Amino acid sequence: MGDLSHPKRFKRTKVSKLQVEPDVASCDEKLEEVANEFATHPDFAEARKDRLLWDSTSLDGLTRSTR
Protein backbone atom coordinates (compact mmCIF):
# COMPACT_ATOMS: atom_id res chain seq x y z
CA MET A 1 0.00 0.00 0.00
CA GLY A 2 1.27 3.47 -0.82
CA ASP A 3 1.68 6.54 1.29
CA LEU A 4 -1.79 7.69 2.35
CA SER A 5 -0.62 11.28 2.57
CA HIS A 6 0.41 11.32 -1.09
CA PRO A 7 -1.15 14.39 -2.80
CA LYS A 8 -2.75 12.38 -5.64
CA ARG A 9 -4.35 9.93 -3.22
CA PHE A 10 -5.66 12.82 -1.12
CA LYS A 11 -7.08 14.49 -4.23
CA ARG A 12 -8.83 11.26 -5.34
CA THR A 13 -10.32 10.84 -1.87
CA LYS A 14 -11.55 14.44 -1.86
CA VAL A 15 -13.05 14.11 -5.34
CA SER A 16 -14.76 10.83 -4.38
CA LYS A 17 -16.19 12.45 -1.27
CA LEU A 18 -17.48 15.42 -3.27
CA GLN A 19 -19.15 13.05 -5.74
CA VAL A 20 -20.86 11.00 -3.03
CA GLU A 21 -22.01 13.82 -0.73
CA PRO A 22 -25.00 14.92 -2.87
CA ASP A 23 -26.32 11.34 -2.97
CA VAL A 24 -25.92 10.98 0.78
CA ALA A 25 -27.69 14.29 1.36
CA SER A 26 -30.53 13.18 -0.92
CA CYS A 27 -30.90 9.92 1.00
CA ASP A 28 -30.87 11.82 4.30
CA GLU A 29 -33.64 14.11 3.05
CA LYS A 30 -35.77 11.14 1.97
CA LEU A 31 -35.25 9.42 5.33
CA GLU A 32 -36.21 12.61 7.15
CA GLU A 33 -39.41 12.83 5.08
CA VAL A 34 -40.32 9.22 5.90
CA ALA A 35 -39.54 9.71 9.59
CA ASN A 36 -41.67 12.86 9.68
CA GLU A 37 -44.53 11.04 7.96
CA PHE A 38 -44.32 8.22 10.50
CA ALA A 39 -44.15 10.66 13.40
CA THR A 40 -47.15 12.72 12.35
CA HIS A 41 -49.51 10.76 10.10
CA PRO A 42 -52.62 9.46 11.92
CA ASP A 43 -52.45 6.10 10.13
CA PHE A 44 -49.28 5.31 12.09
CA ALA A 45 -50.73 6.20 15.51
CA GLU A 46 -51.05 2.55 16.56
CA ALA A 47 -47.46 1.81 15.53
CA ARG A 48 -46.24 4.81 17.53
CA LYS A 49 -48.23 3.61 20.54
CA ASP A 50 -46.71 0.11 20.16
CA ARG A 51 -43.24 1.66 19.99
CA LEU A 52 -43.86 3.44 23.28
CA LEU A 53 -44.93 0.16 24.85
CA TRP A 54 -41.78 -1.52 23.55
CA ASP A 55 -39.63 1.33 24.89
CA SER A 56 -41.15 0.91 28.34
CA THR A 57 -40.55 -2.86 28.41
CA SER A 58 -37.23 -3.07 26.59
CA LEU A 59 -35.34 -1.92 29.67
CA ASP A 60 -37.16 -4.09 32.22
CA GLY A 61 -34.09 -6.17 32.99
CA LEU A 62 -34.79 -9.03 30.65
CA THR A 63 -31.88 -9.99 28.46
CA ARG A 64 -31.41 -12.47 25.66
CA SER A 65 -30.13 -15.88 26.72
CA THR A 66 -26.38 -16.22 26.39
CA ARG A 67 -26.40 -20.00 25.92
PDB file of N, CA and C in Angstrom:
ATOM      1  N   MET A   1       0.849  -1.176   0.000  1.00  0.00           N
ATOM      2  CA  MET A   1       0.000   0.000   0.000  1.00  0.00           C
ATOM      3  C   MET A   1       0.892   1.235   0.000  1.00  0.00           C
ATOM      4  N   GLY A   2       0.484   2.256  -0.706  1.00  0.00           N
ATOM      5  CA  GLY A   2       1.274   3.470  -0.820  1.00  0.00           C
ATOM      6  C   GLY A   2       1.093   4.402   0.361  1.00  0.00           C
ATOM      7  N   ASP A   3       1.757   5.500   0.265  1.00  0.00           N
ATOM      8  CA  ASP A   3       1.684   6.542   1.285  1.00  0.00           C
ATOM      9  C   ASP A   3       0.316   7.214   1.233  1.00  0.00           C
ATOM     10  N   LEU A   4      -0.441   7.125   2.319  1.00  0.00           N
ATOM     11  CA  LEU A   4      -1.787   7.694   2.348  1.00  0.00           C
ATOM     12  C   LEU A   4      -1.792   9.217   2.294  1.00  0.00           C
ATOM     13  N   SER A   5      -0.667   9.821   2.597  1.00  0.00           N
ATOM     14  CA  SER A   5      -0.619  11.283   2.570  1.00  0.00           C
ATOM     15  C   SER A   5      -0.167  11.802   1.202  1.00  0.00           C
ATOM     16  N   HIS A   6      -0.010  10.911   0.259  1.00  0.00           N
ATOM     17  CA  HIS A   6       0.409  11.317  -1.089  1.00  0.00           C
ATOM     18  C   HIS A   6      -0.640  12.264  -1.668  1.00  0.00           C
ATOM     19  N   PRO A   7      -0.206  13.377  -2.294  1.00  0.00           N
ATOM     20  CA  PRO A   7      -1.152  14.391  -2.799  1.00  0.00           C
ATOM     21  C   PRO A   7      -2.184  13.839  -3.776  1.00  0.00           C
ATOM     22  N   LYS A   8      -1.788  12.925  -4.682  1.00  0.00           N
ATOM     23  CA  LYS A   8      -2.751  12.382  -5.640  1.00  0.00           C
ATOM     24  C   LYS A   8      -3.808  11.543  -4.947  1.00  0.00           C
ATOM     25  N   ARG A   9      -3.388  10.760  -3.961  1.00  0.00           N
ATOM     26  CA  ARG A   9      -4.349   9.930  -3.223  1.00  0.00           C
ATOM     27  C   ARG A   9      -5.321  10.830  -2.460  1.00  0.00           C
ATOM     28  N   PHE A  10      -4.799  11.883  -1.848  1.00  0.00           N
ATOM     29  CA  PHE A  10      -5.659  12.819  -1.118  1.00  0.00           C
ATOM     30  C   PHE A  10      -6.670  13.461  -2.071  1.00  0.00           C
ATOM     31  N   LYS A  11      -6.203  13.855  -3.256  1.00  0.00           N
ATOM     32  CA  LYS A  11      -7.084  14.490  -4.229  1.00  0.00           C
ATOM     33  C   LYS A  11      -8.177  13.516  -4.675  1.00  0.00           C
ATOM     34  N   ARG A  12      -7.831  12.253  -4.936  1.00  0.00           N
ATOM     35  CA  ARG A  12      -8.829  11.260  -5.337  1.00  0.00           C
ATOM     36  C   ARG A  12      -9.861  11.062  -4.234  1.00  0.00           C
ATOM     37  N   THR A  13      -9.406  11.013  -2.999  1.00  0.00           N
ATOM     38  CA  THR A  13     -10.321  10.844  -1.870  1.00  0.00           C
ATOM     39  C   THR A  13     -11.270  12.031  -1.779  1.00  0.00           C
ATOM     40  N   LYS A  14     -10.732  13.233  -1.932  1.00  0.00           N
ATOM     41  CA  LYS A  14     -11.552  14.435  -1.855  1.00  0.00           C
ATOM     42  C   LYS A  14     -12.574  14.471  -2.992  1.00  0.00           C
ATOM     43  N   VAL A  15     -12.146  14.116  -4.197  1.00  0.00           N
ATOM     44  CA  VAL A  15     -13.051  14.106  -5.344  1.00  0.00           C
ATOM     45  C   VAL A  15     -14.147  13.064  -5.130  1.00  0.00           C
ATOM     46  N   SER A  16     -13.770  11.881  -4.645  1.00  0.00           N
ATOM     47  CA  SER A  16     -14.764  10.832  -4.380  1.00  0.00           C
ATOM     48  C   SER A  16     -15.784  11.310  -3.351  1.00  0.00           C
ATOM     49  N   LYS A  17     -15.297  11.946  -2.313  1.00  0.00           N
ATOM     50  CA  LYS A  17     -16.187  12.455  -1.272  1.00  0.00           C
ATOM     51  C   LYS A  17     -17.156  13.492  -1.849  1.00  0.00           C
ATOM     52  N   LEU A  18     -16.639  14.386  -2.667  1.00  0.00           N
ATOM     53  CA  LEU A  18     -17.483  15.421  -3.268  1.00  0.00           C
ATOM     54  C   LEU A  18     -18.528  14.819  -4.202  1.00  0.00           C
ATOM     55  N   GLN A  19     -18.201  13.705  -4.851  1.00  0.00           N
ATOM     56  CA  GLN A  19     -19.153  13.049  -5.737  1.00  0.00           C
ATOM     57  C   GLN A  19     -20.241  12.324  -4.963  1.00  0.00           C
ATOM     58  N   VAL A  20     -19.924  11.800  -3.814  1.00  0.00           N
ATOM     59  CA  VAL A  20     -20.864  10.999  -3.026  1.00  0.00           C
ATOM     60  C   VAL A  20     -21.759  11.874  -2.144  1.00  0.00           C
ATOM     61  N   GLU A  21     -21.260  12.987  -1.679  1.00  0.00           N
ATOM     62  CA  GLU A  21     -22.012  13.821  -0.732  1.00  0.00           C
ATOM     63  C   GLU A  21     -23.419  14.191  -1.199  1.00  0.00           C
ATOM     64  N   PRO A  22     -23.631  14.587  -2.458  1.00  0.00           N
ATOM     65  CA  PRO A  22     -25.005  14.921  -2.873  1.00  0.00           C
ATOM     66  C   PRO A  22     -25.963  13.724  -2.756  1.00  0.00           C
ATOM     67  N   ASP A  23     -25.478  12.529  -3.088  1.00  0.00           N
ATOM     68  CA  ASP A  23     -26.322  11.342  -2.975  1.00  0.00           C
ATOM     69  C   ASP A  23     -26.665  11.044  -1.518  1.00  0.00           C
ATOM     70  N   VAL A  24     -25.694  11.204  -0.648  1.00  0.00           N
ATOM     71  CA  VAL A  24     -25.925  10.978   0.778  1.00  0.00           C
ATOM     72  C   VAL A  24     -26.921  12.000   1.307  1.00  0.00           C
ATOM     73  N   ALA A  25     -26.766  13.239   0.918  1.00  0.00           N
ATOM     74  CA  ALA A  25     -27.694  14.288   1.357  1.00  0.00           C
ATOM     75  C   ALA A  25     -29.105  13.995   0.868  1.00  0.00           C
ATOM     76  N   SER A  26     -29.217  13.520  -0.369  1.00  0.00           N
ATOM     77  CA  SER A  26     -30.531  13.184  -0.918  1.00  0.00           C
ATOM     78  C   SER A  26     -31.171  12.046  -0.129  1.00  0.00           C
ATOM     79  N   CYS A  27     -30.385  11.042   0.192  1.00  0.00           N
ATOM     80  CA  CYS A  27     -30.903   9.920   1.003  1.00  0.00           C
ATOM     81  C   CYS A  27     -31.325  10.403   2.384  1.00  0.00           C
ATOM     82  N   ASP A  28     -30.522  11.270   2.982  1.00  0.00           N
ATOM     83  CA  ASP A  28     -30.871  11.818   4.297  1.00  0.00           C
ATOM     84  C   ASP A  28     -32.195  12.565   4.246  1.00  0.00           C
ATOM     85  N   GLU A  29     -32.387  13.350   3.198  1.00  0.00           N
ATOM     86  CA  GLU A  29     -33.635  14.110   3.051  1.00  0.00           C
ATOM     87  C   GLU A  29     -34.831  13.160   2.931  1.00  0.00           C
ATOM     88  N   LYS A  30     -34.683  12.106   2.138  1.00  0.00           N
ATOM     89  CA  LYS A  30     -35.765  11.139   1.968  1.00  0.00           C
ATOM     90  C   LYS A  30     -36.079  10.443   3.287  1.00  0.00           C
ATOM     91  N   LEU A  31     -35.036  10.063   4.037  1.00  0.00           N
ATOM     92  CA  LEU A  31     -35.252   9.416   5.330  1.00  0.00           C
ATOM     93  C   LEU A  31     -35.936  10.352   6.316  1.00  0.00           C
ATOM     94  N   GLU A  32     -35.560  11.617   6.288  1.00  0.00           N
ATOM     95  CA  GLU A  32     -36.211  12.609   7.149  1.00  0.00           C
ATOM     96  C   GLU A  32     -37.694  12.746   6.809  1.00  0.00           C
ATOM     97  N   GLU A  33     -38.007  12.732   5.508  1.00  0.00           N
ATOM     98  CA  GLU A  33     -39.409  12.826   5.082  1.00  0.00           C
ATOM     99  C   GLU A  33     -40.208  11.621   5.587  1.00  0.00           C
ATOM    100  N   VAL A  34     -39.639  10.431   5.448  1.00  0.00           N
ATOM    101  CA  VAL A  34     -40.324   9.215   5.901  1.00  0.00           C
ATOM    102  C   VAL A  34     -40.494   9.237   7.416  1.00  0.00           C
ATOM    103  N   ALA A  35     -39.461   9.647   8.125  1.00  0.00           N
ATOM    104  CA  ALA A  35     -39.542   9.710   9.588  1.00  0.00           C
ATOM    105  C   ALA A  35     -40.602  10.715  10.026  1.00  0.00           C
ATOM    106  N   ASN A  36     -40.661  11.848   9.354  1.00  0.00           N
ATOM    107  CA  ASN A  36     -41.666  12.858   9.682  1.00  0.00           C
ATOM    108  C   ASN A  36     -43.072  12.328   9.410  1.00  0.00           C
ATOM    109  N   GLU A  37     -43.226  11.630   8.296  1.00  0.00           N
ATOM    110  CA  GLU A  37     -44.529  11.038   7.960  1.00  0.00           C
ATOM    111  C   GLU A  37     -44.954  10.043   9.039  1.00  0.00           C
ATOM    112  N   PHE A  38     -44.024   9.199   9.459  1.00  0.00           N
ATOM    113  CA  PHE A  38     -44.325   8.219  10.497  1.00  0.00           C
ATOM    114  C   PHE A  38     -44.675   8.913  11.818  1.00  0.00           C
ATOM    115  N   ALA A  39     -43.957   9.975  12.120  1.00  0.00           N
ATOM    116  CA  ALA A  39     -44.148  10.658  13.402  1.00  0.00           C
ATOM    117  C   ALA A  39     -45.437  11.460  13.467  1.00  0.00           C
ATOM    118  N   THR A  40     -45.998  11.818  12.314  1.00  0.00           N
ATOM    119  CA  THR A  40     -47.147  12.722  12.346  1.00  0.00           C
ATOM    120  C   THR A  40     -48.427  12.180  11.714  1.00  0.00           C
ATOM    121  N   HIS A  41     -48.328  11.232  10.830  1.00  0.00           N
ATOM    122  CA  HIS A  41     -49.515  10.763  10.101  1.00  0.00           C
ATOM    123  C   HIS A  41     -50.412   9.930  11.019  1.00  0.00           C
ATOM    124  N   PRO A  42     -51.709  10.186  11.032  1.00  0.00           N
ATOM    125  CA  PRO A  42     -52.623   9.463  11.922  1.00  0.00           C
ATOM    126  C   PRO A  42     -52.683   7.953  11.661  1.00  0.00           C
ATOM    127  N   ASP A  43     -52.411   7.530  10.430  1.00  0.00           N
ATOM    128  CA  ASP A  43     -52.447   6.097  10.133  1.00  0.00           C
ATOM    129  C   ASP A  43     -51.383   5.314  10.900  1.00  0.00           C
ATOM    130  N   PHE A  44     -50.351   5.982  11.369  1.00  0.00           N
ATOM    131  CA  PHE A  44     -49.278   5.312  12.092  1.00  0.00           C
ATOM    132  C   PHE A  44     -49.414   5.460  13.609  1.00  0.00           C
ATOM    133  N   ALA A  45     -50.545   5.967  14.079  1.00  0.00           N
ATOM    134  CA  ALA A  45     -50.730   6.200  15.513  1.00  0.00           C
ATOM    135  C   ALA A  45     -50.578   4.912  16.316  1.00  0.00           C
ATOM    136  N   GLU A  46     -51.145   3.815  15.828  1.00  0.00           N
ATOM    137  CA  GLU A  46     -51.048   2.553  16.556  1.00  0.00           C
ATOM    138  C   GLU A  46     -49.598   2.064  16.621  1.00  0.00           C
ATOM    139  N   ALA A  47     -48.864   2.215  15.532  1.00  0.00           N
ATOM    140  CA  ALA A  47     -47.457   1.813  15.531  1.00  0.00           C
ATOM    141  C   ALA A  47     -46.652   2.655  16.507  1.00  0.00           C
ATOM    142  N   ARG A  48     -46.947   3.950  16.574  1.00  0.00           N
ATOM    143  CA  ARG A  48     -46.242   4.810  17.530  1.00  0.00           C
ATOM    144  C   ARG A  48     -46.569   4.398  18.960  1.00  0.00           C
ATOM    145  N   LYS A  49     -47.831   4.047  19.208  1.00  0.00           N
ATOM    146  CA  LYS A  49     -48.228   3.606  20.542  1.00  0.00           C
ATOM    147  C   LYS A  49     -47.501   2.299  20.890  1.00  0.00           C
ATOM    148  N   ASP A  50     -47.426   1.371  19.940  1.00  0.00           N
ATOM    149  CA  ASP A  50     -46.711   0.113  20.161  1.00  0.00           C
ATOM    150  C   ASP A  50     -45.240   0.363  20.456  1.00  0.00           C
ATOM    151  N   ARG A  51     -44.648   1.336  19.757  1.00  0.00           N
ATOM    152  CA  ARG A  51     -43.239   1.655  19.995  1.00  0.00           C
ATOM    153  C   ARG A  51     -43.036   2.137  21.424  1.00  0.00           C
ATOM    154  N   LEU A  52     -43.971   2.951  21.908  1.00  0.00           N
ATOM    155  CA  LEU A  52     -43.860   3.442  23.284  1.00  0.00           C
ATOM    156  C   LEU A  52     -43.963   2.289  24.277  1.00  0.00           C
ATOM    157  N   LEU A  53     -44.828   1.333  23.991  1.00  0.00           N
ATOM    158  CA  LEU A  53     -44.926   0.162  24.855  1.00  0.00           C
ATOM    159  C   LEU A  53     -43.627  -0.632  24.835  1.00  0.00           C
ATOM    160  N   TRP A  54     -43.049  -0.796  23.658  1.00  0.00           N
ATOM    161  CA  TRP A  54     -41.782  -1.515  23.552  1.00  0.00           C
ATOM    162  C   TRP A  54     -40.694  -0.775  24.323  1.00  0.00           C
ATOM    163  N   ASP A  55     -40.634   0.550  24.175  1.00  0.00           N
ATOM    164  CA  ASP A  55     -39.628   1.335  24.891  1.00  0.00           C
ATOM    165  C   ASP A  55     -39.757   1.129  26.390  1.00  0.00           C
ATOM    166  N   SER A  56     -40.974   1.033  26.899  1.00  0.00           N
ATOM    167  CA  SER A  56     -41.147   0.906  28.345  1.00  0.00           C
ATOM    168  C   SER A  56     -40.805  -0.500  28.835  1.00  0.00           C
ATOM    169  N   THR A  57     -40.866  -1.503  27.967  1.00  0.00           N
ATOM    170  CA  THR A  57     -40.548  -2.865  28.409  1.00  0.00           C
ATOM    171  C   THR A  57     -39.155  -3.313  27.998  1.00  0.00           C
ATOM    172  N   SER A  58     -38.531  -2.621  27.079  1.00  0.00           N
ATOM    173  CA  SER A  58     -37.230  -3.073  26.591  1.00  0.00           C
ATOM    174  C   SER A  58     -36.135  -2.937  27.643  1.00  0.00           C
ATOM    175  N   LEU A  59     -36.352  -2.116  28.627  1.00  0.00           N
ATOM    176  CA  LEU A  59     -35.342  -1.919  29.670  1.00  0.00           C
ATOM    177  C   LEU A  59     -35.779  -2.506  31.007  1.00  0.00           C
ATOM    178  N   ASP A  60     -36.630  -3.537  30.974  1.00  0.00           N
ATOM    179  CA  ASP A  60     -37.159  -4.089  32.219  1.00  0.00           C
ATOM    180  C   ASP A  60     -36.245  -5.125  32.863  1.00  0.00           C
ATOM    181  N   GLY A  61     -35.028  -5.244  32.377  1.00  0.00           N
ATOM    182  CA  GLY A  61     -34.087  -6.166  32.988  1.00  0.00           C
ATOM    183  C   GLY A  61     -33.981  -7.495  32.283  1.00  0.00           C
ATOM    184  N   LEU A  62     -34.858  -7.771  31.366  1.00  0.00           N
ATOM    185  CA  LEU A  62     -34.790  -9.026  30.649  1.00  0.00           C
ATOM    186  C   LEU A  62     -33.703  -8.926  29.585  1.00  0.00           C
ATOM    187  N   THR A  63     -32.923  -9.962  29.474  1.00  0.00           N
ATOM    188  CA  THR A  63     -31.884  -9.991  28.458  1.00  0.00           C
ATOM    189  C   THR A  63     -31.978 -11.278  27.666  1.00  0.00           C
ATOM    190  N   ARG A  64     -31.410 -11.277  26.495  1.00  0.00           N
ATOM    191  CA  ARG A  64     -31.414 -12.471  25.661  1.00  0.00           C
ATOM    192  C   ARG A  64     -30.528 -13.540  26.310  1.00  0.00           C
ATOM    193  N   SER A  65     -30.914 -14.769  26.181  1.00  0.00           N
ATOM    194  CA  SER A  65     -30.134 -15.876  26.723  1.00  0.00           C
ATOM    195  C   SER A  65     -28.747 -15.873  26.097  1.00  0.00           C
ATOM    196  N   THR A  66     -27.755 -16.188  26.892  1.00  0.00           N
ATOM    197  CA  THR A  66     -26.377 -16.216  26.387  1.00  0.00           C
ATOM    198  C   THR A  66     -25.884 -17.644  26.178  1.00  0.00           C
ATOM    199  N   ARG A  67     -26.805 -18.589  26.114  1.00  0.00           N
ATOM    200  CA  ARG A  67     -26.396 -19.999  25.916  1.00  0.00           C
ATOM    201  C   ARG A  67     -25.720 -20.190  24.614  1.00  0.00           C
TER     202      ARG A  67
END
